Amino acid sequence: MRTSLTREPTTPSATERPASFLSLSGVLALEGGTTLRGRLRGTGNAAEGDLIFSTAATGWGEILTDPSYAGQIVILTHPMVGNYRIDPGELESDRVHPRAVIVTRLVTPPAGPGRSFEELLIEAGIPALEGIDTRALTLELRRGASRKAVIRSAAEEAGATEQARQIAGWEAVDHVAAVSTGASYNLSAAGTLRGRATLIDYGVKRSLLCALTERGLEVVVLPHGATVADVAATAPNLVVLSPGPGDPSRMSPQIATVRELAAQAVAGGPPVLGICLGHQLLALATGADTRRLAVGHHGGNHAVLELATGRVDIGSHNHEVEVLDGPFLADSGYRVSHRDLNDGTVEGLEHVSGRIASVQFHPEGAPGPIDAARVFDVAVNEVTA
């Protein structure tokens, strides 16, 4: 691989790198044999996982705390990261989920309210590798470079490539179990109560929960292993299948539950709304297939076409898997409602009954555009009219 993937940023000032913060030589080793050298920031801890890249130009707090990044090393393509302090309200969960981040230049903003990007890393005990040409590395991934990787200190470089080859693949790990709530809980509606949504938590973001409560729904959140009986016991007006990390095809119990919930919805039971991983589970429940994308969709710049209206929204995305269009979907009464204009992948489904809908993108944004937030308006209005 070209040596240009390692970049020496401008020497940072004292305000960009406080003396109390770590800075030592580190390496990124890919299973294919590529080794890149930079500087470790945050902590000197080792890290391992699958490389993915996000094209987001902001939203550092949301990215670090989004459960869908569990088990991954996130490459941030924006050339400068950390240039503002992160308000607690921007955090999407109670902990940092990526195993590491890779940046070209990490700066520390002036003192003030909130925390810096690096402070969040230190609190979570994860490293950032700085000094990498992240856009060049992203292009290498798009050309098919291996994605399993490790980050080590320079002193531990020997054998790092072999260690990368031996780590468990993304698809072999139950990431959902690690991020889902362990117990059910309730959230009150904001303003006038319009109904109740029961959400199965596969790795939900706080902003999605807020999108529901702000529209007048009380929300009951259930763990990822919730059964159909658990859902029924909450007497919902709407069932929501949340986003989350990992490979949906390994989630056989959840697929069976979603299959029954969908059948009940078509028969007149509570309507179902699936988002991201929830969308994929709905498709698998019909017998359709999914497959891992070559590099995934992560960021806030994918154009999504709504087929019925011709409307195009710029959407927030964070997923590794696509739903494959095919006869199983049509035979089960589903039609494709949205497509990604970058690569034509399926971005949404609707059931002919009008009681099931799903989208692959994140209507709540966080980070990214909220062009498609009306997905929540449609779902809530239909069940509370």
Protein backbone atom coordinates (compact mmCIF):
# COMPACT_ATOMS: atom_id res chain seq x y z
CA MET A 1 0.00 0.00 0.00
CA ARG A 2 1.19 3.54 -0.72
CA THR A 3 3.18 5.23 2.01
CA SER A 4 0.98 8.32 1.49
CA LEU A 5 -1.58 6.70 3.76
CA THR A 6 0.47 7.96 6.70
CA ARG A 7 0.22 11.72 7.05
CA GLU A 8 2.07 14.14 9.27
CA PRO A 9 -0.41 16.84 10.31
CA THR A 10 0.64 20.32 11.30
CA THR A 11 2.33 20.34 14.69
CA PRO A 12 -0.52 21.00 17.13
CA SER A 13 -0.47 23.84 19.59
CA ALA A 14 -0.65 23.43 23.33
CA THR A 15 -4.40 24.02 23.23
CA GLU A 16 -4.77 21.17 20.75
CA ARG A 17 -2.79 18.67 22.80
CA PRO A 18 -2.79 19.23 26.55
CA ALA A 19 0.25 17.80 28.29
CA SER A 20 -1.95 15.40 30.25
CA PHE A 21 -3.07 13.65 27.06
CA LEU A 22 -1.28 10.63 25.66
CA SER A 23 0.78 10.78 22.47
CA LEU A 24 3.00 7.85 21.50
CA SER A 25 3.82 5.92 18.37
CA GLY A 26 1.25 3.37 17.26
CA VAL A 27 0.46 1.08 14.32
CA LEU A 28 -2.60 -0.11 12.44
CA ALA A 29 -2.14 -3.62 11.03
CA LEU A 30 -4.62 -5.10 8.55
CA GLU A 31 -5.04 -8.83 8.04
CA GLY A 32 -3.97 -8.42 4.41
CA GLY A 33 -0.47 -7.33 5.46
CA THR A 34 -0.74 -3.54 5.37
CA THR A 35 0.81 -1.71 8.33
CA LEU A 36 0.35 2.04 8.89
CA ARG A 37 2.08 4.10 11.54
CA GLY A 38 0.74 7.05 13.45
CA ARG A 39 0.34 8.41 16.97
CA LEU A 40 -1.88 6.98 19.67
CA ARG A 41 -4.21 9.44 21.35
CA GLY A 42 -6.80 8.85 24.03
CA THR A 43 -5.24 5.74 25.58
CA GLY A 44 -2.41 3.40 24.74
CA ASN A 45 -4.68 0.36 24.95
CA ALA A 46 -4.62 -2.17 22.14
CA ALA A 47 -7.75 -2.53 20.00
CA GLU A 48 -9.09 -4.89 17.36
CA GLY A 49 -12.11 -5.12 15.12
CA ASP A 50 -13.43 -4.59 11.61
CA LEU A 51 -12.54 -1.35 9.84
CA ILE A 52 -15.42 0.82 8.67
CA PHE A 53 -15.44 4.44 7.59
CA SER A 54 -17.84 7.29 8.30
CA THR A 55 -18.08 10.29 6.00
CA ALA A 56 -19.75 12.45 8.67
CA ALA A 57 -18.27 15.92 9.05
CA THR A 58 -19.71 16.44 12.54
CA GLY A 59 -21.55 14.49 15.22
CA TRP A 60 -18.53 13.17 17.10
CA GLY A 61 -20.44 12.47 20.30
CA GLU A 62 -23.24 10.69 18.46
CA ILE A 63 -20.79 8.52 16.51
CA LEU A 64 -18.84 7.47 19.58
CA THR A 65 -21.99 6.48 21.49
CA ASP A 66 -24.04 4.88 18.70
CA PRO A 67 -24.49 1.16 19.56
CA SER A 68 -24.44 0.24 15.87
CA TYR A 69 -20.67 0.85 15.89
CA ALA A 70 -20.09 -1.93 18.44
CA GLY A 71 -17.11 -4.12 17.60
CA GLN A 72 -15.74 -1.82 14.89
CA ILE A 73 -12.77 0.47 14.36
CA VAL A 74 -14.18 3.67 12.89
CA ILE A 75 -12.21 5.62 10.29
CA LEU A 76 -13.33 9.27 10.23
CA THR A 77 -12.76 10.66 6.75
CA HIS A 78 -13.15 14.31 7.74
CA PRO A 79 -9.62 15.75 7.92
CA MET A 80 -10.05 17.36 11.33
CA VAL A 81 -11.90 15.76 14.24
CA GLY A 82 -12.77 17.02 17.70
CA ASN A 83 -13.06 20.74 16.92
CA TYR A 84 -15.96 21.39 19.33
CA ARG A 85 -16.93 20.26 22.81
CA ILE A 86 -19.60 17.58 23.14
CA ASP A 87 -22.73 18.32 25.12
CA PRO A 88 -24.15 15.44 27.22
CA GLY A 89 -27.39 15.74 25.24
CA GLU A 90 -25.54 14.64 22.11
CA LEU A 91 -24.68 11.22 23.56
CA GLU A 92 -26.78 8.42 22.07
CA SER A 93 -26.18 5.86 24.83
CA ASP A 94 -24.41 5.58 28.15
CA ARG A 95 -21.06 4.42 26.77
CA VAL A 96 -18.66 4.53 23.83
CA HIS A 97 -19.14 1.60 21.44
CA PRO A 98 -16.40 1.62 18.75
CA ARG A 99 -13.25 -0.22 19.76
CA ALA A 100 -11.04 2.53 18.34
CA VAL A 101 -11.07 5.44 15.91
CA ILE A 102 -8.63 6.45 13.19
CA VAL A 103 -8.20 10.13 12.32
CA THR A 104 -5.99 12.38 10.27
CA ARG A 105 -5.85 15.14 12.85
CA LEU A 106 -7.38 15.23 16.33
CA VAL A 107 -7.68 18.63 17.95
CA THR A 108 -8.87 19.62 21.40
CA PRO A 109 -11.25 22.59 21.62
CA PRO A 110 -10.86 25.35 24.20
CA ALA A 111 -12.04 24.67 27.73
CA GLY A 112 -15.77 25.02 28.31
CA PRO A 113 -18.96 23.06 28.98
CA GLY A 114 -19.11 19.47 27.83
CA ARG A 115 -16.29 17.07 27.02
CA SER A 116 -13.76 16.91 24.23
CA PHE A 117 -13.56 14.00 21.81
CA GLU A 118 -10.35 12.84 23.44
CA GLU A 119 -11.81 13.04 26.94
CA LEU A 120 -14.56 10.65 25.85
CA LEU A 121 -11.91 8.28 24.50
CA ILE A 122 -9.95 8.40 27.75
CA GLU A 123 -13.06 7.75 29.85
CA ALA A 124 -13.91 4.75 27.65
CA GLY A 125 -10.35 3.41 27.59
CA ILE A 126 -10.10 3.29 23.80
CA PRO A 127 -7.42 4.69 21.48
CA ALA A 128 -7.44 6.98 18.49
CA LEU A 129 -4.68 6.52 15.92
CA GLU A 130 -3.79 9.96 14.54
CA GLY A 131 -1.69 10.86 11.53
CA ILE A 132 -3.31 8.51 8.99
CA ASP A 133 -4.55 9.75 5.62
CA THR A 134 -8.07 8.52 6.33
CA ARG A 135 -9.41 9.34 2.88
CA ALA A 136 -6.67 7.34 1.18
CA LEU A 137 -7.28 4.46 3.59
CA THR A 138 -10.99 4.64 2.82
CA LEU A 139 -10.25 4.37 -0.90
CA GLU A 140 -8.19 1.26 -0.20
CA LEU A 141 -11.15 -0.29 1.63
CA ARG A 142 -13.40 0.57 -1.30
CA ARG A 143 -10.94 -1.25 -3.57
CA GLY A 144 -11.25 -4.38 -1.46
CA ALA A 145 -8.59 -4.10 1.24
CA SER A 146 -8.98 -6.51 4.16
CA ARG A 147 -11.10 -5.16 6.98
CA LYS A 148 -10.02 -7.07 10.09
CA ALA A 149 -7.40 -4.98 11.85
CA VAL A 150 -5.60 -4.32 15.11
CA ILE A 151 -4.15 -1.19 16.68
CA ARG A 152 -1.04 -1.60 18.79
CA SER A 153 1.74 0.56 20.21
CA ALA A 154 4.82 0.70 18.01
CA ALA A 155 6.61 -1.48 20.55
CA GLU A 156 4.07 -4.24 19.85
CA GLU A 157 4.21 -4.07 16.05
CA ALA A 158 5.84 -7.50 15.64
CA GLY A 159 3.16 -10.08 14.90
CA ALA A 160 0.36 -7.52 14.65
CA THR A 161 -0.66 -8.62 11.15
CA GLU A 162 -1.04 -12.22 12.27
CA GLN A 163 -3.07 -11.04 15.26
CA ALA A 164 -5.39 -9.22 12.86
CA ARG A 165 -5.93 -12.43 10.90
CA GLN A 166 -6.88 -14.33 14.04
CA ILE A 167 -9.49 -12.00 15.54
CA ALA A 168 -13.13 -13.05 15.33
CA GLY A 169 -14.92 -11.64 12.30
CA TRP A 170 -17.70 -9.08 12.69
CA GLU A 171 -20.32 -11.62 11.59
CA ALA A 172 -19.27 -14.17 14.23
CA VAL A 173 -20.00 -12.01 17.28
CA ASP A 174 -23.36 -11.37 18.98
CA HIS A 175 -23.01 -7.61 19.20
CA VAL A 176 -26.73 -7.05 19.89
CA ALA A 177 -26.62 -8.93 23.19
CA ALA A 178 -23.81 -6.65 24.31
CA VAL A 179 -25.66 -3.38 23.64
CA SER A 180 -29.35 -4.13 24.28
CA THR A 181 -30.99 -3.17 27.54
CA GLY A 182 -30.98 -5.92 30.15
CA ALA A 183 -34.42 -5.01 31.53
CA SER A 184 -37.54 -3.32 30.21
CA TYR A 185 -38.27 0.32 31.02
CA ASN A 186 -40.86 2.98 30.21
CA LEU A 187 -40.54 6.50 28.84
CA SER A 188 -43.34 9.02 29.21
CA ALA A 189 -44.82 10.86 26.25
CA ALA A 190 -43.93 14.51 25.83
CA GLY A 191 -47.11 16.56 25.91
CA THR A 192 -50.48 15.02 25.18
CA LEU A 193 -50.50 11.23 25.25
CA ARG A 194 -51.48 9.84 21.85
CA GLY A 195 -50.68 6.16 22.29
CA ARG A 196 -48.08 3.58 23.25
CA ALA A 197 -45.17 2.24 21.25
CA THR A 198 -43.37 -0.93 22.28
CA LEU A 199 -39.81 -0.94 21.03
CA ILE A 200 -37.58 -4.02 20.94
CA ASP A 201 -34.07 -2.78 21.70
CA TYR A 202 -31.39 -4.24 19.43
CA GLY A 203 -29.15 -1.21 20.05
CA VAL A 204 -31.43 1.81 20.08
CA LYS A 205 -30.23 5.41 20.06
CA ARG A 206 -31.67 7.94 22.48
CA SER A 207 -32.61 10.26 19.62
CA LEU A 208 -34.91 7.58 18.17
CA LEU A 209 -36.65 7.22 21.53
CA CYS A 210 -37.02 10.98 21.68
CA ALA A 211 -38.50 11.02 18.17
CA LEU A 212 -41.29 8.78 19.46
CA THR A 213 -41.93 10.47 22.82
CA GLU A 214 -41.92 13.94 21.21
CA ARG A 215 -44.78 12.76 18.99
CA GLY A 216 -46.93 11.91 21.98
CA LEU A 217 -46.12 8.24 22.43
CA GLU A 218 -45.39 6.52 25.68
CA VAL A 219 -42.57 4.09 24.90
CA VAL A 220 -42.03 0.69 26.47
CA VAL A 221 -38.51 -0.58 25.74
CA LEU A 222 -37.98 -4.36 25.82
CA PRO A 223 -34.70 -6.34 25.66
CA HIS A 224 -33.59 -7.91 22.39
CA GLY A 225 -34.82 -11.34 23.47
CA ALA A 226 -38.42 -10.18 23.96
CA THR A 227 -41.05 -12.68 22.84
CA VAL A 228 -44.36 -12.07 21.11
CA ALA A 229 -46.06 -12.61 24.46
CA ASP A 230 -43.80 -9.97 26.06
CA VAL A 231 -44.83 -7.49 23.39
CA ALA A 232 -48.53 -8.34 23.71
CA ALA A 233 -48.39 -7.82 27.47
CA THR A 234 -47.57 -4.15 26.91
CA ALA A 235 -50.74 -3.56 24.80
CA PRO A 236 -48.99 -1.41 22.16
CA ASN A 237 -50.53 0.74 19.46
CA LEU A 238 -47.29 0.43 17.50
CA VAL A 239 -44.37 -2.03 17.56
CA VAL A 240 -40.94 -0.60 16.69
CA LEU A 241 -37.95 -2.77 15.78
CA SER A 242 -34.86 -0.75 16.58
CA PRO A 243 -31.50 -0.32 14.87
CA GLY A 244 -28.50 -2.19 16.17
CA PRO A 245 -25.11 -3.71 15.30
CA GLY A 246 -24.03 -6.98 13.77
CA ASP A 247 -25.21 -9.53 11.26
CA PRO A 248 -29.01 -10.03 11.37
CA SER A 249 -28.83 -13.46 9.74
CA ARG A 250 -27.39 -14.93 12.95
CA MET A 251 -30.40 -13.73 15.00
CA SER A 252 -32.72 -16.73 14.52
CA PRO A 253 -34.84 -16.22 17.68
CA GLN A 254 -35.43 -12.56 16.82
CA ILE A 255 -36.31 -13.40 13.21
CA ALA A 256 -38.94 -15.87 14.44
CA THR A 257 -40.39 -13.25 16.79
CA VAL A 258 -40.51 -10.62 14.05
CA ARG A 259 -42.18 -13.10 11.70
CA GLU A 260 -45.03 -13.60 14.17
CA LEU A 261 -45.33 -9.90 14.97
CA ALA A 262 -45.60 -9.17 11.25
CA ALA A 263 -48.26 -11.83 10.78
CA GLN A 264 -50.25 -10.36 13.66
CA ALA A 265 -49.96 -6.88 12.17
CA VAL A 266 -51.32 -8.04 8.81
CA ALA A 267 -54.20 -9.76 10.63
CA GLY A 268 -55.15 -6.52 12.42
CA GLY A 269 -52.70 -6.49 15.34
CA PRO A 270 -50.40 -3.58 16.17
CA PRO A 271 -48.63 -2.12 13.12
CA VAL A 272 -44.86 -2.65 12.88
CA LEU A 273 -42.16 -0.11 12.04
CA GLY A 274 -38.62 -1.44 11.46
CA ILE A 275 -35.55 0.80 11.37
CA CYS A 276 -32.10 -0.27 10.11
CA LEU A 277 -31.51 -3.67 11.79
CA GLY A 278 -35.27 -3.88 12.35
CA HIS A 279 -35.74 -3.44 8.59
CA GLN A 280 -33.31 -6.28 7.92
CA LEU A 281 -35.04 -8.59 10.41
CA LEU A 282 -38.41 -7.95 8.76
CA ALA A 283 -36.96 -8.93 5.38
CA LEU A 284 -35.35 -12.08 6.79
CA ALA A 285 -38.67 -12.98 8.42
CA THR A 286 -40.22 -13.20 4.93
CA GLY A 287 -37.52 -15.61 3.75
CA ALA A 288 -35.62 -12.92 1.85
CA ASP A 289 -31.82 -12.75 1.98
CA THR A 290 -29.36 -10.18 3.27
CA ARG A 291 -25.66 -9.79 2.57
CA ARG A 292 -22.84 -7.71 3.90
CA LEU A 293 -22.00 -4.67 1.83
CA ALA A 294 -18.45 -4.31 0.54
CA VAL A 295 -17.79 -1.28 2.75
CA GLY A 296 -21.09 -0.50 4.46
CA HIS A 297 -23.03 2.75 4.57
CA HIS A 298 -21.93 5.08 7.37
CA GLY A 299 -22.45 8.82 7.36
CA GLY A 300 -25.00 11.45 6.49
CA ASN A 301 -24.74 11.95 2.74
CA HIS A 302 -26.64 9.10 1.06
CA ALA A 303 -29.46 10.22 -1.23
CA VAL A 304 -32.57 8.06 -0.78
CA LEU A 305 -35.44 8.00 -3.29
CA GLU A 306 -39.00 7.46 -2.09
CA LEU A 307 -40.44 5.57 -5.05
CA ALA A 308 -44.11 6.48 -4.59
CA THR A 309 -43.56 10.24 -4.55
CA GLY A 310 -40.23 10.76 -6.28
CA ARG A 311 -39.00 12.67 -3.23
CA VAL A 312 -35.28 12.46 -2.49
CA ASP A 313 -33.99 12.77 1.07
CA ILE A 314 -30.38 12.97 2.18
CA GLY A 315 -30.24 10.41 4.96
CA SER A 316 -28.22 9.32 7.94
CA HIS A 317 -26.89 5.76 7.62
CA ASN A 318 -25.02 3.30 9.78
CA HIS A 319 -25.27 -0.26 8.55
CA GLU A 320 -23.17 -3.08 7.14
CA VAL A 321 -25.92 -5.19 5.57
CA GLU A 322 -28.32 -4.78 2.66
CA VAL A 323 -31.65 -6.46 2.01
CA LEU A 324 -31.74 -8.28 -1.33
CA ASP A 325 -34.77 -7.65 -3.49
CA GLY A 326 -36.35 -10.87 -4.71
CA PRO A 327 -39.43 -13.07 -4.95
CA PHE A 328 -39.69 -13.74 -1.21
CA LEU A 329 -40.49 -10.09 -0.55
CA ALA A 330 -43.15 -9.85 -3.26
CA ASP A 331 -44.65 -13.23 -2.39
CA SER A 332 -45.03 -12.07 1.22
CA GLY A 333 -46.83 -8.90 0.17
CA TYR A 334 -43.95 -6.43 0.41
CA ARG A 335 -42.88 -3.82 -2.09
CA VAL A 336 -39.72 -1.74 -2.12
CA SER A 337 -40.56 1.78 -0.97
CA HIS A 338 -37.10 3.43 -1.01
CA ARG A 339 -33.82 2.97 -2.84
CA ASP A 340 -30.34 4.37 -2.30
CA LEU A 341 -29.43 6.54 -5.28
CA ASN A 342 -25.71 5.88 -4.80
CA ASP A 343 -25.83 2.12 -5.31
CA GLY A 344 -29.49 1.16 -5.84
CA THR A 345 -29.76 -0.88 -2.64
CA VAL A 346 -33.12 -1.39 -0.93
CA GLU A 347 -33.71 1.38 1.61
CA GLY A 348 -37.31 0.71 2.61
CA LEU A 349 -40.18 -1.76 2.49
CA GLU A 350 -43.97 -1.50 2.75
CA HIS A 351 -46.52 -4.26 3.15
CA VAL A 352 -49.56 -4.10 0.90
CA SER A 353 -51.77 -4.17 3.99
CA GLY A 354 -50.39 -0.79 4.99
CA ARG A 355 -49.63 -2.13 8.47
CA ILE A 356 -45.89 -2.79 8.17
CA ALA A 357 -43.15 -0.42 7.01
CA SER A 358 -39.40 -0.33 7.38
CA VAL A 359 -36.47 1.87 6.41
CA GLN A 360 -32.76 1.10 6.22
CA PHE A 361 -31.68 4.65 7.06
CA HIS A 362 -32.04 6.58 10.33
CA PRO A 363 -34.94 9.07 10.13
CA GLU A 364 -33.85 10.59 13.45
CA GLY A 365 -30.43 11.57 12.04
CA ALA A 366 -28.04 12.02 15.00
CA PRO A 367 -25.74 12.72 13.39
CA GLY A 368 -26.86 13.79 9.98
CA PRO A 369 -29.89 15.16 8.18
CA ILE A 370 -33.46 14.77 9.44
CA ASP A 371 -35.00 15.13 5.97
CA ALA A 372 -36.84 11.83 6.46
CA ALA A 373 -38.13 12.42 10.00
CA ARG A 374 -41.64 12.29 8.57
CA VAL A 375 -41.29 8.50 8.71
CA PHE A 376 -42.15 8.86 12.39
CA ASP A 377 -44.99 11.27 11.66
CA VAL A 378 -46.60 8.83 9.23
CA ALA A 379 -46.28 5.89 11.63
CA VAL A 380 -47.65 7.80 14.62
CA ASN A 381 -50.49 9.44 12.71
CA GLU A 382 -51.66 6.10 11.30
CA VAL A 383 -51.91 4.44 14.70
CA THR A 384 -53.40 7.40 16.58
CA ALA A 385 -55.87 8.74 14.02
